[in-house]
N, C-alpha and C. Protein backbone atom coordinates (compact mmCIF):
# COMPACT_ATOMS: atom_id res chain seq x y z
N MET A 1 -15.11 -14.93 -61.17
CA MET A 1 -14.40 -14.65 -59.92
C MET A 1 -14.61 -15.81 -58.94
N PRO A 2 -13.59 -16.14 -58.16
CA PRO A 2 -13.73 -17.21 -57.16
C PRO A 2 -14.79 -16.85 -56.11
N ARG A 3 -15.57 -17.86 -55.70
CA ARG A 3 -16.66 -17.59 -54.75
C ARG A 3 -16.49 -18.31 -53.42
N ASN A 4 -15.51 -19.22 -53.30
CA ASN A 4 -15.27 -19.90 -52.03
C ASN A 4 -13.76 -20.07 -51.82
N GLN A 5 -13.38 -20.57 -50.65
CA GLN A 5 -11.96 -20.64 -50.31
C GLN A 5 -11.18 -21.57 -51.24
N ALA A 6 -11.75 -22.71 -51.61
CA ALA A 6 -11.05 -23.63 -52.51
C ALA A 6 -10.80 -22.98 -53.87
N GLN A 7 -11.79 -22.27 -54.38
CA GLN A 7 -11.62 -21.58 -55.66
C GLN A 7 -10.60 -20.46 -55.55
N ARG A 8 -10.60 -19.73 -54.42
CA ARG A 8 -9.61 -18.67 -54.22
C ARG A 8 -8.19 -19.24 -54.17
N MET A 9 -8.04 -20.38 -53.48
CA MET A 9 -6.72 -21.02 -53.39
C MET A 9 -6.25 -21.47 -54.77
N PHE A 10 -7.15 -22.05 -55.56
CA PHE A 10 -6.81 -22.49 -56.91
C PHE A 10 -6.44 -21.30 -57.78
N PHE A 11 -7.25 -20.25 -57.72
CA PHE A 11 -7.01 -19.04 -58.51
C PHE A 11 -5.65 -18.44 -58.17
N ALA A 12 -5.35 -18.34 -56.87
CA ALA A 12 -4.06 -17.80 -56.42
C ALA A 12 -2.92 -18.70 -56.87
N PHE A 13 -3.11 -20.02 -56.78
CA PHE A 13 -2.07 -20.98 -57.18
C PHE A 13 -1.69 -20.80 -58.64
N VAL A 14 -2.68 -20.77 -59.52
CA VAL A 14 -2.41 -20.65 -60.96
C VAL A 14 -1.80 -19.27 -61.26
N THR A 15 -2.33 -18.22 -60.62
CA THR A 15 -1.79 -16.88 -60.84
C THR A 15 -0.32 -16.82 -60.45
N VAL A 16 0.01 -17.32 -59.27
CA VAL A 16 1.40 -17.27 -58.79
C VAL A 16 2.29 -18.18 -59.63
N LEU A 17 1.79 -19.34 -60.03
CA LEU A 17 2.58 -20.26 -60.85
C LEU A 17 3.02 -19.59 -62.16
N VAL A 18 2.08 -18.93 -62.83
CA VAL A 18 2.40 -18.25 -64.09
C VAL A 18 3.27 -17.02 -63.82
N THR A 19 2.91 -16.24 -62.82
CA THR A 19 3.61 -14.99 -62.54
C THR A 19 5.06 -15.21 -62.14
N VAL A 20 5.32 -16.19 -61.28
CA VAL A 20 6.69 -16.42 -60.81
C VAL A 20 7.60 -16.81 -61.97
N HIS A 21 7.13 -17.67 -62.86
CA HIS A 21 7.95 -18.04 -64.01
C HIS A 21 8.22 -16.82 -64.90
N ALA A 22 7.21 -15.97 -65.08
CA ALA A 22 7.40 -14.76 -65.89
C ALA A 22 8.42 -13.83 -65.23
N TYR A 23 8.32 -13.69 -63.91
CA TYR A 23 9.23 -12.78 -63.20
C TYR A 23 10.66 -13.31 -63.14
N VAL A 24 10.82 -14.59 -62.94
CA VAL A 24 12.18 -15.15 -62.92
C VAL A 24 12.82 -14.96 -64.29
N PHE A 25 12.08 -15.23 -65.35
CA PHE A 25 12.60 -15.00 -66.70
C PHE A 25 12.95 -13.53 -66.88
N TYR A 26 12.03 -12.64 -66.50
CA TYR A 26 12.25 -11.19 -66.65
C TYR A 26 13.47 -10.74 -65.86
N SER A 27 13.58 -11.22 -64.63
CA SER A 27 14.70 -10.81 -63.77
C SER A 27 16.04 -11.34 -64.28
N LEU A 28 16.08 -12.62 -64.62
CA LEU A 28 17.34 -13.23 -65.03
C LEU A 28 17.78 -12.83 -66.43
N TYR A 29 16.83 -12.77 -67.36
CA TYR A 29 17.19 -12.48 -68.74
C TYR A 29 17.18 -10.99 -69.07
N VAL A 30 16.08 -10.31 -68.75
CA VAL A 30 15.92 -8.93 -69.18
C VAL A 30 16.72 -7.97 -68.30
N ILE A 31 16.55 -8.06 -66.99
CA ILE A 31 17.22 -7.11 -66.09
C ILE A 31 18.68 -7.45 -65.88
N ASN A 32 18.98 -8.71 -65.55
CA ASN A 32 20.34 -9.08 -65.15
C ASN A 32 21.09 -9.96 -66.15
N GLY A 33 20.53 -10.19 -67.32
CA GLY A 33 21.17 -11.08 -68.29
C GLY A 33 22.58 -10.66 -68.68
N ASN A 34 22.75 -9.37 -68.96
CA ASN A 34 24.08 -8.88 -69.34
C ASN A 34 25.08 -9.01 -68.20
N ILE A 35 24.63 -8.77 -66.97
CA ILE A 35 25.52 -8.89 -65.81
C ILE A 35 26.00 -10.33 -65.66
N PHE A 36 25.07 -11.29 -65.76
CA PHE A 36 25.45 -12.70 -65.65
C PHE A 36 26.45 -13.09 -66.73
N THR A 37 26.19 -12.69 -67.98
CA THR A 37 27.08 -13.09 -69.07
C THR A 37 28.46 -12.43 -68.94
N GLU A 38 28.49 -11.18 -68.47
CA GLU A 38 29.78 -10.51 -68.28
C GLU A 38 30.60 -11.18 -67.18
N TYR A 39 29.96 -11.45 -66.03
CA TYR A 39 30.68 -12.11 -64.93
C TYR A 39 31.16 -13.50 -65.33
N ALA A 40 30.30 -14.24 -66.04
CA ALA A 40 30.67 -15.59 -66.46
C ALA A 40 31.80 -15.55 -67.48
N SER A 41 31.77 -14.56 -68.36
CA SER A 41 32.85 -14.42 -69.35
C SER A 41 34.17 -14.13 -68.65
N MET A 42 34.14 -13.26 -67.62
CA MET A 42 35.37 -12.97 -66.87
C MET A 42 35.85 -14.19 -66.09
N ALA A 43 34.90 -14.93 -65.50
CA ALA A 43 35.27 -16.10 -64.69
C ALA A 43 35.81 -17.24 -65.54
N SER A 44 35.25 -17.43 -66.73
CA SER A 44 35.67 -18.57 -67.57
C SER A 44 36.79 -18.21 -68.55
N GLY A 45 36.95 -16.93 -68.82
CA GLY A 45 37.97 -16.52 -69.78
C GLY A 45 37.54 -16.65 -71.22
N THR A 46 36.30 -17.07 -71.46
CA THR A 46 35.76 -17.16 -72.82
C THR A 46 34.46 -16.38 -72.88
N GLN A 47 34.07 -15.99 -74.08
CA GLN A 47 32.84 -15.22 -74.26
C GLN A 47 31.61 -16.11 -74.02
N VAL A 48 30.77 -15.70 -73.08
CA VAL A 48 29.53 -16.42 -72.78
C VAL A 48 28.37 -15.56 -73.25
N SER A 49 27.49 -16.13 -74.08
CA SER A 49 26.39 -15.34 -74.62
C SER A 49 25.02 -15.79 -74.13
N HIS A 50 24.92 -16.98 -73.55
CA HIS A 50 23.63 -17.49 -73.08
C HIS A 50 23.52 -17.34 -71.56
N VAL A 51 22.40 -16.83 -71.09
CA VAL A 51 22.22 -16.54 -69.67
C VAL A 51 22.27 -17.81 -68.84
N LEU A 52 21.57 -18.86 -69.27
CA LEU A 52 21.59 -20.11 -68.48
C LEU A 52 22.98 -20.71 -68.40
N GLN A 53 23.74 -20.61 -69.49
CA GLN A 53 25.13 -21.08 -69.48
C GLN A 53 25.94 -20.24 -68.49
N ALA A 54 25.70 -18.93 -68.49
CA ALA A 54 26.41 -18.03 -67.56
C ALA A 54 26.09 -18.38 -66.12
N ILE A 55 24.82 -18.62 -65.83
CA ILE A 55 24.41 -18.96 -64.46
C ILE A 55 25.04 -20.28 -64.04
N SER A 56 25.11 -21.23 -64.98
CA SER A 56 25.74 -22.52 -64.68
C SER A 56 27.23 -22.34 -64.37
N ILE A 57 27.92 -21.51 -65.14
CA ILE A 57 29.35 -21.25 -64.90
C ILE A 57 29.56 -20.59 -63.55
N LEU A 58 28.65 -19.68 -63.18
CA LEU A 58 28.77 -18.97 -61.90
C LEU A 58 28.34 -19.82 -60.71
N GLY A 59 27.80 -20.99 -60.96
CA GLY A 59 27.38 -21.88 -59.87
C GLY A 59 25.96 -21.66 -59.41
N GLY A 60 25.18 -20.91 -60.17
CA GLY A 60 23.79 -20.64 -59.82
C GLY A 60 23.56 -19.17 -59.56
N VAL A 61 22.37 -18.86 -59.08
CA VAL A 61 21.98 -17.50 -58.74
C VAL A 61 22.24 -17.30 -57.25
N GLU A 62 22.81 -16.16 -56.89
CA GLU A 62 23.12 -15.91 -55.49
C GLU A 62 21.86 -15.50 -54.72
N VAL A 63 21.49 -16.32 -53.75
CA VAL A 63 20.33 -16.06 -52.90
C VAL A 63 20.79 -16.17 -51.45
N LEU A 64 20.62 -15.09 -50.70
CA LEU A 64 21.08 -15.02 -49.30
C LEU A 64 22.55 -15.40 -49.17
N GLY A 65 23.34 -15.00 -50.17
CA GLY A 65 24.77 -15.24 -50.13
C GLY A 65 25.22 -16.61 -50.59
N LYS A 66 24.27 -17.47 -50.99
CA LYS A 66 24.61 -18.81 -51.46
C LYS A 66 24.11 -18.98 -52.90
N HIS A 67 24.84 -19.75 -53.69
CA HIS A 67 24.46 -19.98 -55.09
C HIS A 67 23.52 -21.18 -55.18
N ILE A 68 22.38 -20.96 -55.82
CA ILE A 68 21.41 -22.05 -56.01
C ILE A 68 20.99 -22.08 -57.48
N PRO A 69 20.54 -23.25 -57.98
CA PRO A 69 20.12 -23.34 -59.38
C PRO A 69 18.82 -22.55 -59.64
N VAL A 70 18.54 -22.34 -60.91
CA VAL A 70 17.37 -21.54 -61.30
C VAL A 70 16.08 -22.17 -60.76
N TRP A 71 15.96 -23.51 -60.79
CA TRP A 71 14.73 -24.13 -60.29
C TRP A 71 14.55 -23.83 -58.79
N GLY A 72 15.66 -23.68 -58.05
CA GLY A 72 15.58 -23.32 -56.64
C GLY A 72 15.04 -21.91 -56.46
N VAL A 73 15.45 -21.00 -57.35
CA VAL A 73 14.95 -19.62 -57.32
C VAL A 73 13.44 -19.61 -57.57
N VAL A 74 13.01 -20.38 -58.58
CA VAL A 74 11.57 -20.47 -58.90
C VAL A 74 10.80 -21.02 -57.71
N LEU A 75 11.30 -22.07 -57.07
CA LEU A 75 10.63 -22.68 -55.92
C LEU A 75 10.53 -21.72 -54.74
N ILE A 76 11.62 -21.04 -54.41
CA ILE A 76 11.61 -20.08 -53.30
C ILE A 76 10.63 -18.95 -53.58
N GLU A 77 10.71 -18.38 -54.78
CA GLU A 77 9.82 -17.27 -55.11
C GLU A 77 8.36 -17.71 -55.17
N PHE A 78 8.12 -18.94 -55.66
CA PHE A 78 6.74 -19.44 -55.70
C PHE A 78 6.17 -19.54 -54.29
N CYS A 79 6.91 -20.15 -53.37
CA CYS A 79 6.42 -20.31 -51.99
C CYS A 79 6.15 -18.97 -51.33
N LEU A 80 7.08 -18.03 -51.47
CA LEU A 80 6.91 -16.71 -50.86
C LEU A 80 5.74 -15.96 -51.49
N ALA A 81 5.65 -15.99 -52.82
CA ALA A 81 4.58 -15.27 -53.51
C ALA A 81 3.21 -15.87 -53.21
N TYR A 82 3.13 -17.20 -53.12
CA TYR A 82 1.84 -17.85 -52.84
C TYR A 82 1.36 -17.49 -51.44
N LEU A 83 2.26 -17.55 -50.46
CA LEU A 83 1.88 -17.17 -49.10
C LEU A 83 1.45 -15.71 -49.04
N LEU A 84 2.20 -14.84 -49.70
CA LEU A 84 1.88 -13.42 -49.69
C LEU A 84 0.55 -13.15 -50.39
N GLU A 85 0.30 -13.86 -51.48
CA GLU A 85 -0.96 -13.69 -52.22
C GLU A 85 -2.16 -14.12 -51.38
N ILE A 86 -2.03 -15.25 -50.69
CA ILE A 86 -3.13 -15.76 -49.87
C ILE A 86 -3.37 -14.87 -48.65
N ILE A 87 -2.28 -14.46 -47.99
CA ILE A 87 -2.40 -13.69 -46.74
C ILE A 87 -2.77 -12.24 -47.00
N MET A 88 -2.09 -11.61 -47.99
CA MET A 88 -2.27 -10.18 -48.18
C MET A 88 -2.87 -9.80 -49.53
N GLY A 89 -2.32 -10.33 -50.61
CA GLY A 89 -2.69 -9.89 -51.95
C GLY A 89 -4.16 -9.98 -52.29
N SER A 90 -4.72 -11.18 -52.25
CA SER A 90 -6.12 -11.38 -52.63
C SER A 90 -7.10 -10.65 -51.71
N PRO A 91 -7.01 -10.84 -50.38
CA PRO A 91 -8.00 -10.19 -49.52
C PRO A 91 -7.94 -8.66 -49.57
N CYS A 92 -6.73 -8.10 -49.53
CA CYS A 92 -6.59 -6.65 -49.49
C CYS A 92 -6.95 -6.00 -50.83
N SER A 93 -6.59 -6.65 -51.93
CA SER A 93 -6.91 -6.05 -53.24
C SER A 93 -8.42 -6.01 -53.46
N PHE A 94 -9.13 -7.05 -53.01
CA PHE A 94 -10.59 -7.05 -53.14
C PHE A 94 -11.21 -5.95 -52.28
N LYS A 95 -10.69 -5.77 -51.07
CA LYS A 95 -11.21 -4.70 -50.19
C LYS A 95 -10.93 -3.32 -50.77
N LEU A 96 -9.74 -3.12 -51.34
CA LEU A 96 -9.42 -1.84 -51.96
C LEU A 96 -10.32 -1.56 -53.15
N ALA A 97 -10.56 -2.57 -53.98
CA ALA A 97 -11.43 -2.39 -55.14
C ALA A 97 -12.85 -2.08 -54.70
N ARG A 98 -13.31 -2.72 -53.61
CA ARG A 98 -14.66 -2.46 -53.09
C ARG A 98 -14.81 -1.06 -52.53
N LYS A 99 -13.71 -0.46 -52.07
CA LYS A 99 -13.78 0.92 -51.58
C LYS A 99 -14.04 1.90 -52.72
N CYS A 100 -13.60 1.55 -53.91
CA CYS A 100 -13.78 2.43 -55.08
C CYS A 100 -15.03 2.11 -55.88
N PHE A 101 -15.38 0.82 -55.93
CA PHE A 101 -16.50 0.39 -56.76
C PHE A 101 -17.41 -0.55 -55.99
N ASN A 102 -18.69 -0.45 -56.26
CA ASN A 102 -19.67 -1.39 -55.68
C ASN A 102 -19.75 -2.59 -56.63
N PRO A 103 -19.36 -3.80 -56.15
CA PRO A 103 -19.36 -4.96 -57.06
C PRO A 103 -20.73 -5.28 -57.64
N GLY A 104 -21.80 -4.98 -56.91
CA GLY A 104 -23.15 -5.27 -57.40
C GLY A 104 -23.61 -4.33 -58.50
N LYS A 105 -23.08 -3.10 -58.48
CA LYS A 105 -23.54 -2.09 -59.45
C LYS A 105 -22.51 -1.79 -60.55
N THR A 106 -21.30 -2.26 -60.39
CA THR A 106 -20.24 -1.98 -61.36
C THR A 106 -20.13 -3.13 -62.35
N HIS A 107 -19.85 -2.79 -63.60
CA HIS A 107 -19.66 -3.83 -64.62
C HIS A 107 -18.51 -4.74 -64.18
N PRO A 108 -18.67 -6.07 -64.32
CA PRO A 108 -17.65 -7.00 -63.85
C PRO A 108 -16.24 -6.75 -64.40
N VAL A 109 -16.14 -6.31 -65.65
CA VAL A 109 -14.82 -6.07 -66.24
C VAL A 109 -14.12 -4.92 -65.51
N ILE A 110 -14.87 -3.87 -65.19
CA ILE A 110 -14.28 -2.72 -64.48
C ILE A 110 -13.88 -3.12 -63.07
N PHE A 111 -14.73 -3.88 -62.40
CA PHE A 111 -14.40 -4.30 -61.04
C PHE A 111 -13.20 -5.23 -61.03
N GLU A 112 -13.15 -6.19 -61.96
CA GLU A 112 -12.00 -7.11 -62.05
C GLU A 112 -10.72 -6.35 -62.37
N THR A 113 -10.81 -5.33 -63.22
CA THR A 113 -9.64 -4.50 -63.54
C THR A 113 -9.15 -3.77 -62.29
N ALA A 114 -10.09 -3.27 -61.48
CA ALA A 114 -9.72 -2.60 -60.23
C ALA A 114 -9.01 -3.57 -59.28
N VAL A 115 -9.49 -4.80 -59.21
CA VAL A 115 -8.85 -5.82 -58.35
C VAL A 115 -7.44 -6.12 -58.86
N ILE A 116 -7.28 -6.27 -60.17
CA ILE A 116 -5.96 -6.55 -60.75
C ILE A 116 -5.00 -5.40 -60.45
N CYS A 117 -5.45 -4.17 -60.64
CA CYS A 117 -4.59 -3.00 -60.37
C CYS A 117 -4.19 -2.94 -58.90
N ALA A 118 -5.15 -3.21 -58.01
CA ALA A 118 -4.84 -3.21 -56.58
C ALA A 118 -3.86 -4.32 -56.23
N THR A 119 -4.04 -5.48 -56.83
CA THR A 119 -3.12 -6.60 -56.57
C THR A 119 -1.71 -6.26 -57.01
N ALA A 120 -1.57 -5.70 -58.21
CA ALA A 120 -0.23 -5.31 -58.69
C ALA A 120 0.36 -4.24 -57.79
N GLY A 121 -0.46 -3.29 -57.34
CA GLY A 121 0.02 -2.22 -56.47
C GLY A 121 0.47 -2.70 -55.10
N LEU A 122 -0.11 -3.79 -54.62
CA LEU A 122 0.28 -4.35 -53.32
C LEU A 122 1.42 -5.38 -53.45
N MET A 123 1.27 -6.29 -54.40
CA MET A 123 2.21 -7.41 -54.49
C MET A 123 3.58 -7.00 -55.04
N CYS A 124 3.61 -6.06 -55.98
CA CYS A 124 4.89 -5.68 -56.58
C CYS A 124 5.86 -5.11 -55.54
N PRO A 125 5.47 -4.11 -54.73
CA PRO A 125 6.42 -3.62 -53.72
C PRO A 125 6.78 -4.68 -52.68
N ALA A 126 5.80 -5.51 -52.30
CA ALA A 126 6.07 -6.55 -51.28
C ALA A 126 7.06 -7.59 -51.81
N MET A 127 6.83 -8.10 -53.01
CA MET A 127 7.74 -9.10 -53.59
C MET A 127 9.08 -8.48 -53.95
N SER A 128 9.09 -7.22 -54.35
CA SER A 128 10.36 -6.54 -54.65
C SER A 128 11.19 -6.38 -53.38
N PHE A 129 10.53 -6.15 -52.25
CA PHE A 129 11.26 -6.05 -50.99
C PHE A 129 11.88 -7.40 -50.63
N LEU A 130 11.08 -8.46 -50.76
CA LEU A 130 11.62 -9.81 -50.48
C LEU A 130 12.78 -10.14 -51.43
N ALA A 131 12.66 -9.74 -52.69
CA ALA A 131 13.74 -9.97 -53.65
C ALA A 131 14.98 -9.17 -53.27
N ALA A 132 14.78 -7.94 -52.79
CA ALA A 132 15.93 -7.12 -52.37
C ALA A 132 16.67 -7.78 -51.21
N VAL A 133 15.93 -8.43 -50.32
CA VAL A 133 16.55 -9.15 -49.19
C VAL A 133 17.23 -10.42 -49.69
N LEU A 134 16.52 -11.19 -50.52
CA LEU A 134 17.07 -12.47 -51.01
C LEU A 134 18.32 -12.28 -51.86
N TYR A 135 18.28 -11.30 -52.77
CA TYR A 135 19.35 -11.14 -53.75
C TYR A 135 20.34 -10.04 -53.38
N TYR A 136 20.33 -9.60 -52.13
CA TYR A 136 21.29 -8.61 -51.68
C TYR A 136 22.70 -9.19 -51.83
N PRO A 137 23.67 -8.40 -52.31
CA PRO A 137 25.03 -8.95 -52.52
C PRO A 137 25.79 -9.14 -51.21
N TYR A 138 25.36 -10.11 -50.40
CA TYR A 138 25.96 -10.34 -49.09
C TYR A 138 27.45 -10.68 -49.18
N ASN A 139 27.85 -11.41 -50.22
CA ASN A 139 29.26 -11.79 -50.35
C ASN A 139 30.13 -10.64 -50.82
N ALA A 140 29.56 -9.70 -51.56
CA ALA A 140 30.34 -8.60 -52.13
C ALA A 140 30.50 -7.43 -51.17
N MET A 141 29.53 -7.24 -50.28
CA MET A 141 29.59 -6.09 -49.38
C MET A 141 28.93 -6.40 -48.04
N GLU A 142 29.28 -5.62 -47.06
CA GLU A 142 28.66 -5.74 -45.74
C GLU A 142 27.23 -5.22 -45.83
N PHE A 143 26.33 -5.81 -45.06
CA PHE A 143 24.93 -5.40 -45.12
C PHE A 143 24.76 -3.95 -44.69
N ASN A 144 23.98 -3.22 -45.48
CA ASN A 144 23.70 -1.81 -45.19
C ASN A 144 22.23 -1.56 -45.52
N ILE A 145 21.49 -1.01 -44.56
CA ILE A 145 20.05 -0.80 -44.74
C ILE A 145 19.77 0.15 -45.90
N PHE A 146 20.64 1.15 -46.11
CA PHE A 146 20.43 2.10 -47.20
C PHE A 146 20.62 1.45 -48.56
N THR A 147 21.58 0.53 -48.66
CA THR A 147 21.77 -0.22 -49.90
C THR A 147 20.56 -1.11 -50.16
N LEU A 148 20.04 -1.75 -49.10
CA LEU A 148 18.85 -2.58 -49.24
C LEU A 148 17.67 -1.76 -49.74
N LEU A 149 17.45 -0.58 -49.14
CA LEU A 149 16.33 0.27 -49.56
C LEU A 149 16.51 0.78 -50.99
N ALA A 150 17.76 1.10 -51.36
CA ALA A 150 18.03 1.54 -52.74
C ALA A 150 17.76 0.40 -53.72
N ASN A 151 18.19 -0.82 -53.36
CA ASN A 151 17.92 -1.98 -54.21
C ASN A 151 16.42 -2.24 -54.34
N TRP A 152 15.70 -2.06 -53.22
CA TRP A 152 14.24 -2.25 -53.23
C TRP A 152 13.57 -1.26 -54.18
N LEU A 153 13.95 0.02 -54.06
CA LEU A 153 13.38 1.05 -54.92
C LEU A 153 13.69 0.76 -56.39
N LYS A 154 14.92 0.34 -56.67
CA LYS A 154 15.31 0.00 -58.04
C LYS A 154 14.45 -1.15 -58.57
N LEU A 155 14.25 -2.19 -57.74
CA LEU A 155 13.43 -3.33 -58.16
C LEU A 155 11.98 -2.94 -58.40
N VAL A 156 11.43 -2.07 -57.54
CA VAL A 156 10.05 -1.61 -57.75
C VAL A 156 9.95 -0.87 -59.08
N CYS A 157 10.93 0.00 -59.37
CA CYS A 157 10.91 0.74 -60.63
C CYS A 157 11.01 -0.18 -61.84
N PHE A 158 11.81 -1.24 -61.74
CA PHE A 158 11.92 -2.22 -62.84
C PHE A 158 10.65 -3.07 -62.94
N ASN A 159 10.15 -3.52 -61.79
CA ASN A 159 9.11 -4.54 -61.78
C ASN A 159 7.68 -4.01 -61.95
N PHE A 160 7.40 -2.81 -61.44
CA PHE A 160 6.00 -2.38 -61.45
C PHE A 160 5.41 -2.26 -62.85
N PRO A 161 6.08 -1.61 -63.81
CA PRO A 161 5.48 -1.57 -65.15
C PRO A 161 5.25 -2.96 -65.73
N PHE A 162 6.23 -3.85 -65.53
CA PHE A 162 6.09 -5.23 -66.01
C PHE A 162 4.92 -5.91 -65.32
N ALA A 163 4.83 -5.75 -64.00
CA ALA A 163 3.75 -6.37 -63.23
C ALA A 163 2.39 -5.87 -63.68
N PHE A 164 2.26 -4.56 -63.79
CA PHE A 164 0.97 -3.96 -64.12
C PHE A 164 0.48 -4.44 -65.49
N PHE A 165 1.32 -4.30 -66.50
CA PHE A 165 0.87 -4.62 -67.86
C PHE A 165 0.72 -6.12 -68.10
N THR A 166 1.61 -6.93 -67.55
CA THR A 166 1.46 -8.38 -67.76
C THR A 166 0.23 -8.92 -67.02
N GLN A 167 0.01 -8.44 -65.79
CA GLN A 167 -1.17 -8.90 -65.06
C GLN A 167 -2.46 -8.46 -65.74
N LEU A 168 -2.49 -7.22 -66.17
CA LEU A 168 -3.72 -6.67 -66.74
C LEU A 168 -4.06 -7.27 -68.10
N PHE A 169 -3.05 -7.46 -68.95
CA PHE A 169 -3.32 -7.84 -70.34
C PHE A 169 -3.02 -9.29 -70.69
N PHE A 170 -2.21 -9.99 -69.88
CA PHE A 170 -1.83 -11.35 -70.25
C PHE A 170 -2.15 -12.38 -69.17
N ILE A 171 -1.55 -12.19 -68.00
CA ILE A 171 -1.63 -13.23 -66.97
C ILE A 171 -3.05 -13.41 -66.44
N GLN A 172 -3.70 -12.32 -66.01
CA GLN A 172 -5.04 -12.47 -65.45
C GLN A 172 -6.06 -12.97 -66.48
N PRO A 173 -6.07 -12.46 -67.72
CA PRO A 173 -6.99 -13.06 -68.70
C PRO A 173 -6.75 -14.56 -68.90
N PHE A 174 -5.46 -14.97 -68.92
CA PHE A 174 -5.14 -16.38 -69.07
C PHE A 174 -5.63 -17.18 -67.87
N VAL A 175 -5.36 -16.68 -66.65
CA VAL A 175 -5.77 -17.39 -65.43
C VAL A 175 -7.29 -17.46 -65.34
N ARG A 176 -7.98 -16.41 -65.72
CA ARG A 176 -9.45 -16.42 -65.68
C ARG A 176 -10.02 -17.41 -66.68
N THR A 177 -9.36 -17.56 -67.82
CA THR A 177 -9.80 -18.56 -68.81
C THR A 177 -9.63 -19.97 -68.24
N ILE A 178 -8.48 -20.23 -67.62
CA ILE A 178 -8.24 -21.54 -66.99
C ILE A 178 -9.29 -21.78 -65.89
N PHE A 179 -9.54 -20.75 -65.08
CA PHE A 179 -10.51 -20.86 -63.99
C PHE A 179 -11.90 -21.21 -64.54
N LYS A 180 -12.30 -20.54 -65.61
CA LYS A 180 -13.63 -20.79 -66.19
C LYS A 180 -13.74 -22.21 -66.76
N ILE A 181 -12.63 -22.73 -67.29
CA ILE A 181 -12.65 -24.10 -67.82
C ILE A 181 -12.75 -25.11 -66.67
N VAL A 182 -11.95 -24.93 -65.63
CA VAL A 182 -11.92 -25.88 -64.52
C VAL A 182 -13.24 -25.86 -63.73
N PHE A 183 -13.80 -24.67 -63.52
CA PHE A 183 -15.01 -24.55 -62.70
C PHE A 183 -16.25 -24.23 -63.53
N ARG A 184 -16.29 -24.71 -64.78
CA ARG A 184 -17.41 -24.38 -65.67
C ARG A 184 -18.75 -24.87 -65.13
N ARG A 185 -18.79 -26.04 -64.51
CA ARG A 185 -20.07 -26.56 -63.98
C ARG A 185 -20.56 -25.70 -62.82
N ASP A 186 -19.65 -25.33 -61.93
CA ASP A 186 -20.02 -24.50 -60.79
C ASP A 186 -20.49 -23.12 -61.26
N ILE A 187 -19.82 -22.57 -62.27
CA ILE A 187 -20.20 -21.25 -62.80
C ILE A 187 -21.57 -21.32 -63.45
N ALA A 188 -21.81 -22.40 -64.22
CA ALA A 188 -23.11 -22.57 -64.87
C ALA A 188 -24.21 -22.75 -63.83
N ALA A 189 -23.96 -23.52 -62.78
CA ALA A 189 -24.96 -23.73 -61.72
C ALA A 189 -25.24 -22.42 -61.00
N HIS A 190 -24.22 -21.61 -60.78
CA HIS A 190 -24.40 -20.32 -60.10
C HIS A 190 -25.23 -19.37 -60.96
N LYS A 191 -24.95 -19.36 -62.29
CA LYS A 191 -25.73 -18.51 -63.19
C LYS A 191 -27.20 -18.93 -63.21
N THR A 192 -27.43 -20.25 -63.25
CA THR A 192 -28.81 -20.77 -63.25
C THR A 192 -29.53 -20.40 -61.97
N SER A 193 -28.86 -20.54 -60.83
CA SER A 193 -29.51 -20.20 -59.55
C SER A 193 -29.76 -18.70 -59.44
N THR A 194 -28.88 -17.89 -60.01
CA THR A 194 -29.07 -16.44 -59.99
C THR A 194 -30.25 -16.03 -60.85
N VAL A 195 -30.37 -16.66 -62.04
CA VAL A 195 -31.48 -16.36 -62.94
C VAL A 195 -32.80 -16.80 -62.31
N ASN A 196 -32.83 -17.99 -61.69
CA ASN A 196 -34.04 -18.49 -61.06
C ASN A 196 -34.45 -17.66 -59.86
N ALA A 197 -33.46 -17.16 -59.12
CA ALA A 197 -33.75 -16.33 -57.93
C ALA A 197 -34.29 -14.97 -58.36
N GLY A 198 -33.81 -14.47 -59.53
CA GLY A 198 -34.24 -13.14 -60.02
C GLY A 198 -35.60 -13.23 -60.65
């Protein structure tokens, strides 16, 4: 686990970097892939079967009523997710986990699992709300708060199972492995000082 601000920033950076790419892929291919290919097929008059080709034909992904390329979507979501993780996700998830478990007396795996669950529970609705605002069909319809809330609820229902299971079983174990490799000397020094102090 990160023990200082620089380590927390690094941990959040790698987590968000991996997570945003996974979510953009999930959103574009799994959730909306058929919609993109259908619209592109209608627009071009030929059958389009590849999502990236469909997005290219459509002029990009619609964000705030404007079409931008996929790399732009990744960049926007990365910046928003990183800020949200630093400001709200990491600090609040640790506090929530501490309310349920004492970090000094609880096995580290259980405590880390509690932190991951709290992070998914906080970040998924927050990022889904931002996505509902960003990807609202501004060009197709007039803005309506009830449509926005319905889109938000739909995104939470799609995203939460994906967020929970990928964070718990894939992303966080991967990020923790990277963290242990990068900060192996600091971790070893901390273990040595803990053993000597005990």
